[in-house]
Protein backbone atom coordinates (compact mmCIF):
# COMPACT_ATOMS: atom_id res chain seq x y z
CA MET A 1 97.35 -31.42 70.94
CA ILE A 2 94.93 -30.63 73.76
CA ALA A 3 92.00 -31.75 71.61
CA LEU A 4 93.75 -35.06 70.87
CA VAL A 5 94.34 -35.64 74.58
CA ARG A 6 90.69 -34.88 75.34
CA ARG A 7 89.49 -37.33 72.69
CA ALA A 8 91.83 -40.00 74.03
CA LEU A 9 90.54 -39.48 77.55
CA ARG A 10 86.91 -39.58 76.40
CA ARG A 11 87.51 -42.92 74.70
CA ARG A 12 88.59 -44.36 78.08
CA VAL A 13 85.29 -43.36 79.70
CA PRO A 14 82.54 -46.01 79.32
CA ALA A 15 79.78 -45.03 76.88
CA PRO A 16 76.96 -45.02 79.49
CA ILE A 17 78.91 -42.56 81.62
CA ARG A 18 79.68 -40.34 78.63
CA LEU A 19 75.97 -40.33 77.80
CA ARG A 20 74.95 -39.32 81.33
CA ILE A 21 77.50 -36.51 81.30
CA ALA A 22 76.31 -35.29 77.88
CA LEU A 23 72.64 -35.37 78.92
CA ALA A 24 73.43 -33.48 82.14
CA ARG A 25 75.33 -30.81 80.21
CA ARG A 26 72.52 -30.36 77.74
CA ALA A 27 69.89 -30.18 80.45
CA LEU A 28 71.88 -27.52 82.31
CA HIS A 29 72.53 -25.47 79.16
CA ASP A 30 68.90 -25.70 78.04
CA SER A 31 67.70 -24.62 81.48
CA LEU A 32 70.07 -21.65 81.78
CA SER A 33 69.48 -20.46 78.21
CA GLY A 34 65.70 -20.76 78.37
CA THR A 35 65.70 -23.33 75.56
CA SER A 36 64.01 -25.91 77.76
CA ARG A 37 60.93 -23.70 78.22
CA ALA A 38 60.63 -23.11 74.47
CA MET A 39 61.09 -26.73 73.43
CA VAL A 40 58.12 -28.72 72.11
CA ARG A 41 57.54 -31.78 74.32
CA PRO A 42 55.53 -34.98 73.82
CA SER A 43 53.26 -33.90 76.67
CA ASP A 44 52.29 -30.65 74.93
CA ALA A 45 48.68 -30.48 73.81
CA ARG A 46 48.20 -31.32 70.14
CA VAL A 47 45.26 -29.68 68.41
CA ASP A 48 44.09 -31.80 65.49
CA GLY A 49 43.44 -29.74 62.38
CA SER A 50 45.10 -26.59 63.71
CA CYS A 51 47.70 -26.83 60.93
CA ALA A 52 45.55 -27.72 57.95
CA THR A 53 47.38 -25.94 55.12
CA GLU A 54 50.00 -28.11 53.38
CA ILE A 55 53.05 -26.01 52.51
CA LEU A 56 55.45 -28.50 50.97
CA SER A 57 56.46 -32.15 50.89
CA VAL A 58 59.68 -34.08 50.31
CA ILE A 59 59.92 -37.75 49.30
CA GLN A 60 62.94 -39.94 50.02
CA PRO A 61 63.53 -43.60 49.11
CA VAL A 62 64.06 -46.28 51.76
CA ARG A 63 66.64 -48.64 50.33
CA GLN A 64 66.63 -52.33 51.19
CA SER A 65 69.89 -53.55 52.66
CA GLU A 66 71.13 -55.39 55.72
CA HIS A 67 68.91 -54.61 58.76
CA TRP A 68 66.55 -52.54 56.60
CA GLN A 69 63.47 -54.01 58.26
CA GLY A 70 64.75 -52.86 61.65
CA LYS A 71 65.44 -49.44 60.18
CA LEU A 72 61.90 -49.32 58.78
CA ALA A 73 60.46 -50.20 62.19
CA ASN A 74 62.59 -47.49 63.81
CA LEU A 75 61.48 -44.90 61.27
CA ARG A 76 57.81 -45.74 61.84
CA LEU A 77 58.17 -45.61 65.62
CA ALA A 78 59.99 -42.27 65.51
CA ALA A 79 57.56 -40.82 62.95
CA ALA A 80 54.63 -41.64 65.23
CA ARG A 81 56.28 -39.64 68.00
CA LEU A 82 57.03 -36.65 65.77
CA ASN A 83 53.69 -36.48 63.98
CA GLY A 84 51.18 -34.00 65.34
CA ALA A 85 53.66 -31.95 67.37
CA ILE A 86 52.67 -28.31 66.86
CA ILE A 87 55.61 -25.90 66.63
CA ALA A 88 54.02 -22.62 67.66
CA PRO A 89 55.77 -19.30 66.95
CA GLY A 90 58.79 -18.96 69.21
CA ARG A 91 58.87 -22.67 70.05
CA ILE A 92 61.75 -25.04 69.29
CA PHE A 93 61.54 -28.43 67.58
CA SER A 94 64.04 -30.91 69.03
CA PHE A 95 64.35 -34.32 67.41
CA TRP A 96 65.38 -36.10 70.62
CA ALA A 97 63.04 -34.22 72.95
CA LEU A 98 60.11 -35.69 71.01
CA ILE A 99 61.49 -39.16 70.30
CA GLY A 100 63.25 -39.97 73.56
CA PRO A 101 65.98 -42.59 74.10
CA PRO A 102 66.42 -44.85 71.04
CA ASP A 103 66.82 -48.09 72.98
CA VAL A 104 65.21 -51.51 73.24
CA ALA A 105 63.20 -50.46 76.30
CA HIS A 106 61.46 -47.84 74.15
CA GLY A 107 60.73 -50.23 71.29
CA PHE A 108 63.63 -49.55 68.92
CA GLN A 109 65.28 -52.33 66.92
CA ILE A 110 68.64 -53.01 65.29
CA GLY A 111 69.01 -50.99 62.13
CA ARG A 112 71.90 -49.82 60.02
CA SER A 113 73.53 -46.56 61.04
CA ILE A 114 76.73 -44.58 60.68
CA ARG A 115 78.88 -44.45 63.80
CA ALA A 116 82.41 -43.02 63.71
CA ASP A 117 82.00 -42.78 59.92
CA VAL A 118 81.40 -46.53 59.63
CA LEU A 119 78.19 -48.25 58.53
CA GLY A 120 77.08 -50.98 60.91
CA PRO A 121 74.24 -52.42 63.01
CA ASP A 122 73.00 -50.39 65.97
CA ILE A 123 69.88 -50.14 68.13
CA GLY A 124 67.81 -47.31 66.69
CA GLY A 125 69.80 -47.44 63.47
CA GLY A 126 68.41 -45.55 60.49
CA LEU A 127 67.01 -42.56 62.37
CA CYS A 128 69.46 -40.21 60.65
CA GLN A 129 67.26 -40.43 57.56
CA LEU A 130 64.36 -38.99 59.53
CA SER A 131 66.46 -36.33 61.27
CA GLY A 132 67.90 -35.28 57.92
CA LEU A 133 64.43 -35.10 56.43
CA ALA A 134 63.26 -32.96 59.37
CA TYR A 135 66.24 -30.66 58.80
CA GLU A 136 65.43 -30.29 55.10
CA LEU A 137 61.78 -29.58 55.88
CA GLY A 138 62.85 -26.95 58.38
CA LEU A 139 65.14 -25.31 55.83
CA ARG A 140 62.44 -25.23 53.18
CA ALA A 141 59.83 -23.96 55.65
CA GLY A 142 62.13 -21.07 56.54
CA LEU A 143 62.70 -22.05 60.17
CA ALA A 144 65.77 -20.89 62.07
CA ILE A 145 68.44 -23.59 62.39
CA ILE A 146 69.50 -23.88 66.04
CA GLU A 147 71.47 -27.12 65.81
CA ARG A 148 72.45 -29.45 62.99
CA HIS A 149 75.47 -31.72 62.50
CA PRO A 150 76.60 -33.00 59.08
CA HIS A 151 78.33 -36.31 58.57
CA THR A 152 82.09 -35.98 58.08
CA GLN A 153 82.33 -38.60 55.34
CA ASP A 154 80.24 -39.17 52.25
CA LEU A 155 79.63 -42.91 52.26
CA TYR A 156 77.18 -42.86 49.37
CA THR A 157 77.14 -42.41 45.62
CA GLU A 158 74.68 -40.27 43.70
CA ALA A 159 72.80 -43.46 42.81
CA THR A 160 72.50 -44.72 46.38
CA ARG A 161 72.10 -41.64 48.56
CA PHE A 162 68.58 -40.86 49.82
CA THR A 163 69.09 -37.15 50.43
CA PRO A 164 71.23 -34.56 48.63
CA LEU A 165 74.68 -34.08 50.13
CA GLY A 166 74.54 -31.01 52.34
CA LEU A 167 71.01 -31.70 53.56
CA ASP A 168 72.01 -34.57 55.86
CA ALA A 169 71.79 -34.24 59.64
CA THR A 170 73.34 -36.89 61.86
CA VAL A 171 71.93 -37.40 65.36
CA VAL A 172 73.41 -39.18 68.37
CA TYR A 173 71.25 -39.33 71.49
CA GLY A 174 72.60 -36.99 74.15
CA HIS A 175 75.35 -35.66 71.90
CA LYS A 176 73.96 -34.45 68.55
CA ASP A 177 70.45 -33.17 67.88
CA VAL A 178 68.42 -31.39 65.21
CA ARG A 179 66.81 -28.25 66.61
CA LEU A 180 64.69 -25.78 64.65
CA GLU A 181 63.05 -22.59 65.91
CA ASN A 182 59.78 -21.36 64.46
CA ASP A 183 60.17 -17.66 63.72
CA ARG A 184 57.65 -17.59 60.87
CA GLY A 185 54.76 -16.10 62.85
CA THR A 186 52.37 -19.03 62.39
CA SER A 187 52.15 -22.52 63.86
CA ILE A 188 53.84 -25.31 61.90
CA GLU A 189 53.56 -29.09 62.02
CA PHE A 190 55.75 -31.80 60.51
CA HIS A 191 54.19 -35.05 59.37
CA PHE A 192 56.07 -38.17 58.27
CA ALA A 193 54.52 -41.09 56.38
CA VAL A 194 56.82 -44.13 56.37
CA GLU A 195 56.05 -46.62 53.62
CA THR A 196 57.95 -49.76 52.68
CA GLU A 197 60.03 -48.08 49.98
CA ARG A 198 59.82 -44.39 50.79
CA VAL A 199 59.37 -41.72 53.45
CA ILE A 200 57.19 -38.68 52.80
CA GLY A 201 57.82 -35.60 54.90
CA THR A 202 55.20 -32.84 54.89
CA VAL A 203 55.05 -29.37 56.38
CA ARG A 204 51.66 -28.03 57.37
CA ALA A 205 50.87 -24.58 58.75
CA ALA A 206 47.99 -22.80 60.43
CA THR A 207 47.96 -20.19 57.67
CA ALA A 208 49.29 -19.99 54.12
CA LEU A 209 53.07 -19.86 54.12
CA ALA A 210 55.41 -19.59 51.13
CA PRO A 211 58.36 -22.01 51.27
CA ALA A 212 61.97 -21.00 50.75
CA MET A 213 64.15 -22.10 47.84
CA LEU A 214 67.35 -24.11 48.37
CA GLU A 215 70.49 -24.07 46.24
CA ILE A 216 73.29 -26.61 46.71
CA ASP A 217 76.80 -25.79 45.51
CA LYS A 218 79.20 -28.77 45.46
CA VAL A 219 82.90 -28.69 44.56
CA GLU A 220 85.10 -31.79 44.28
CA ASP A 221 88.65 -31.35 45.58
CA GLY A 222 90.45 -34.67 45.41
CA ALA A 223 88.97 -36.87 48.14
CA ALA A 224 87.08 -33.93 49.65
CA ARG A 225 83.65 -32.68 48.72
CA HIS A 226 82.91 -29.07 49.67
CA VAL A 227 79.19 -28.42 49.88
CA ARG A 228 77.45 -25.11 50.52
CA VAL A 229 73.71 -24.73 50.94
CA PHE A 230 72.03 -21.39 50.28
CA ARG A 231 68.47 -20.49 51.15
CA THR A 232 66.44 -17.79 49.43
CA SER A 233 63.40 -16.56 51.34
CA PRO A 234 60.07 -15.73 49.65
CA ALA A 235 61.14 -12.08 49.99
CA GLY A 236 64.25 -12.78 47.92
CA VAL A 237 66.82 -12.72 50.73
CA ARG A 238 69.61 -15.21 50.03
CA GLU A 239 71.76 -16.56 52.86
CA LEU A 240 74.39 -19.21 53.38
CA MET A 241 72.94 -21.92 55.63
CA SER A 242 75.86 -24.36 55.79
CA ALA A 243 79.36 -24.98 54.46
CA ASP A 244 80.42 -28.60 54.98
CA VAL A 245 83.41 -30.66 53.94
CA TYR A 246 82.96 -34.40 53.41
CA THR A 247 85.64 -37.01 52.82
CA ALA A 248 84.60 -39.07 49.81
CA HIS A 249 84.53 -42.76 50.68
CA ALA A 250 81.86 -45.00 49.14
CA PRO A 251 81.69 -48.63 50.30
CA ALA A 252 80.57 -51.44 48.02
CA ASP A 253 77.08 -51.57 49.58
CA PRO A 254 76.33 -48.17 51.14
CA HIS A 255 72.51 -48.39 51.29
């Protein structure tokens, strides 16, 4: 009951005010916890060639649908801001700390995104594909997952989804982020190549690094899809990384 009242009150607060409150809370928490000092920032020095060993790559399709050109422009702009950021041992990768506000003033366009479990046009739309790809790369590289938020509904079919269910990571500026901590003992770099019909995500490291293996367990239960993701380290240690429940709801054109 209390949660319902809180949600009702939040809906009465204008979105810009909610955003300022959320950003202030995050800034305070990051400062008090020491996260802010460990976070990789755009201003951090980037040493070209310091991470020269390619560890793994993941390819995802970019599907053409309404506002797909805006989405493509958003992906390219965000990729340029993520590429080259060195995640040294002990440092934290934050999707939003590197990309910044996804608004018109920072060059973002109208793309298609999921808000409140509904597909529709939005400034900066489409960035969830890149945040999900970063999350999957972090999982496979063996990084520690500090923050990740799944979608609550599965709006895609197996034929139209661009990432396996369970490896998605929704982001909302100021509210939901993807954060990964490098505890592998060597510097790591993500690189994203955005082409017209696909996105290629690559993990590079300063030294040779064996990737982890992922296993996805999905169970259908009526309209619900229960998805668990397990990760097995190169040393053979298997751990549960996430256990998500999605409401199955596929629209006619879910690209």
